[in-house]
Protein backbone atom coordinates (compact mmCIF):
# COMPACT_ATOMS: atom_id res chain seq x y z
CA MET A 1 1.38 -22.52 -13.47
CA ILE A 2 1.48 -23.72 -9.83
CA TYR A 3 3.69 -22.18 -7.13
CA PRO A 4 4.41 -24.48 -4.02
CA LEU A 5 5.79 -22.46 -0.98
CA VAL A 6 7.19 -25.09 1.52
CA TYR A 7 8.64 -24.53 4.99
CA VAL A 8 9.07 -27.63 7.02
CA ASP A 9 5.52 -29.10 7.30
CA ASP A 10 3.70 -25.98 6.00
CA ILE A 11 2.82 -25.70 2.42
CA LEU A 12 1.10 -22.98 0.53
CA LEU A 13 -0.15 -23.70 -3.06
CA THR A 14 -0.95 -20.99 -5.34
CA GLY A 15 -1.36 -20.69 -9.05
CA SER A 16 -3.03 -19.18 -11.96
CA ASN A 17 -5.66 -21.95 -12.47
CA SER A 18 -7.97 -22.86 -9.59
CA ALA A 19 -9.16 -26.02 -11.27
CA LEU A 20 -5.49 -27.30 -11.63
CA LEU A 21 -4.86 -26.30 -8.05
CA TYR A 22 -7.92 -28.44 -6.79
CA ARG A 23 -6.66 -31.42 -8.96
CA LEU A 24 -3.22 -31.18 -7.39
CA ILE A 25 -4.65 -30.98 -3.84
CA THR A 26 -6.86 -34.07 -4.58
CA LEU A 27 -3.84 -35.92 -6.00
CA LEU A 28 -1.78 -34.94 -2.84
CA GLN A 29 -4.53 -36.12 -0.47
CA THR A 30 -4.28 -39.67 -2.12
CA GLU A 31 -0.72 -39.79 -1.08
CA PHE A 32 -0.32 -37.74 2.09
CA LYS A 33 -2.50 -36.70 5.16
CA LEU A 34 -3.25 -33.11 4.60
CA ARG A 35 -5.99 -30.46 5.30
CA ASP A 36 -7.08 -27.84 2.82
CA LEU A 37 -7.46 -24.75 4.86
CA GLY A 38 -8.76 -22.68 1.96
CA SER A 39 -7.73 -19.19 1.31
CA VAL A 40 -4.49 -17.89 3.06
CA HIS A 41 -4.60 -15.47 5.81
CA PHE A 42 -1.35 -15.99 7.59
CA PHE A 43 1.77 -17.78 6.52
CA LEU A 44 5.08 -17.81 8.53
CA GLY A 45 4.04 -14.80 10.39
CA ILE A 46 3.10 -12.87 7.33
CA GLU A 47 -0.54 -11.51 6.96
CA VAL A 48 -2.08 -12.06 3.50
CA LYS A 49 -4.80 -9.72 2.29
CA SER A 50 -6.53 -9.84 -1.14
CA THR A 51 -7.34 -6.46 -2.54
CA ALA A 52 -8.86 -5.17 -5.83
CA MET A 53 -5.31 -4.34 -6.82
CA GLY A 54 -3.59 -7.64 -5.88
CA ILE A 55 -2.24 -9.23 -2.78
CA LEU A 56 -1.02 -7.10 0.25
CA LEU A 57 1.64 -8.82 2.59
CA SER A 58 2.11 -7.38 6.00
CA GLN A 59 3.87 -8.32 9.20
CA HIS A 60 1.84 -5.80 11.38
CA LYS A 61 0.36 -8.47 13.69
CA TYR A 62 3.80 -10.31 13.98
CA ALA A 63 5.33 -6.97 15.18
CA LEU A 64 2.56 -6.39 17.59
CA ASP A 65 3.01 -10.01 18.98
CA ILE A 66 6.74 -9.20 19.47
CA ILE A 67 5.96 -5.91 21.19
CA GLN A 68 3.44 -7.77 23.42
CA ARG A 69 5.88 -10.53 24.29
CA ALA A 70 8.45 -7.97 25.22
CA GLY A 71 6.03 -6.23 27.72
CA MET A 72 6.17 -2.95 25.67
CA ALA A 73 2.50 -2.92 24.66
CA SER A 74 1.74 0.08 27.00
CA CYS A 75 4.91 2.09 26.05
CA LYS A 76 4.37 5.42 24.36
CA PRO A 77 5.47 5.53 20.73
CA VAL A 78 8.27 8.05 19.76
CA ASP A 79 9.34 9.09 16.42
CA THR A 80 13.07 9.46 17.41
CA PRO A 81 14.19 7.68 20.60
CA LEU A 82 17.21 10.08 20.87
CA SER A 83 17.35 13.81 21.66
CA THR A 84 17.25 15.97 18.61
CA SER A 85 18.60 19.04 20.60
CA SER A 86 21.88 17.34 21.91
CA LYS A 87 25.00 17.58 19.85
CA LEU A 88 27.58 14.92 19.80
CA GLY A 89 31.17 15.76 19.51
CA ILE A 90 34.69 14.63 20.49
CA VAL A 91 35.88 15.27 24.00
CA PRO A 92 39.47 16.93 23.78
CA GLY A 93 42.00 14.79 25.47
CA ALA A 94 39.84 11.63 25.81
CA PRO A 95 41.51 8.79 23.86
CA HIS A 96 39.39 6.12 22.25
CA SER A 97 40.39 2.60 23.16
CA ASN A 98 39.38 1.28 19.68
CA PRO A 99 39.32 4.26 17.05
CA ILE A 100 38.19 1.96 14.28
């Protein structure tokens, strides 16, 4: 069984038989210009790690890159960005413009 994952010009091939994968890559190289980059580490912003229990997919690096681009890398982390002691309520006599 071979599973091709395709996104525009990025292709990831995986399957249950490495010899069959190698034959498919060799066949594709005769028809198309392509590079075999070996084992996958990143694909579409998703980090791929092989473990003893299987494959671990993570977007940790992608999230850190977004934080860096937003200029928030030096910000202090907070569990809850809102005050936990303040209580919200309805102010008597203050109509809402859109009650829905």
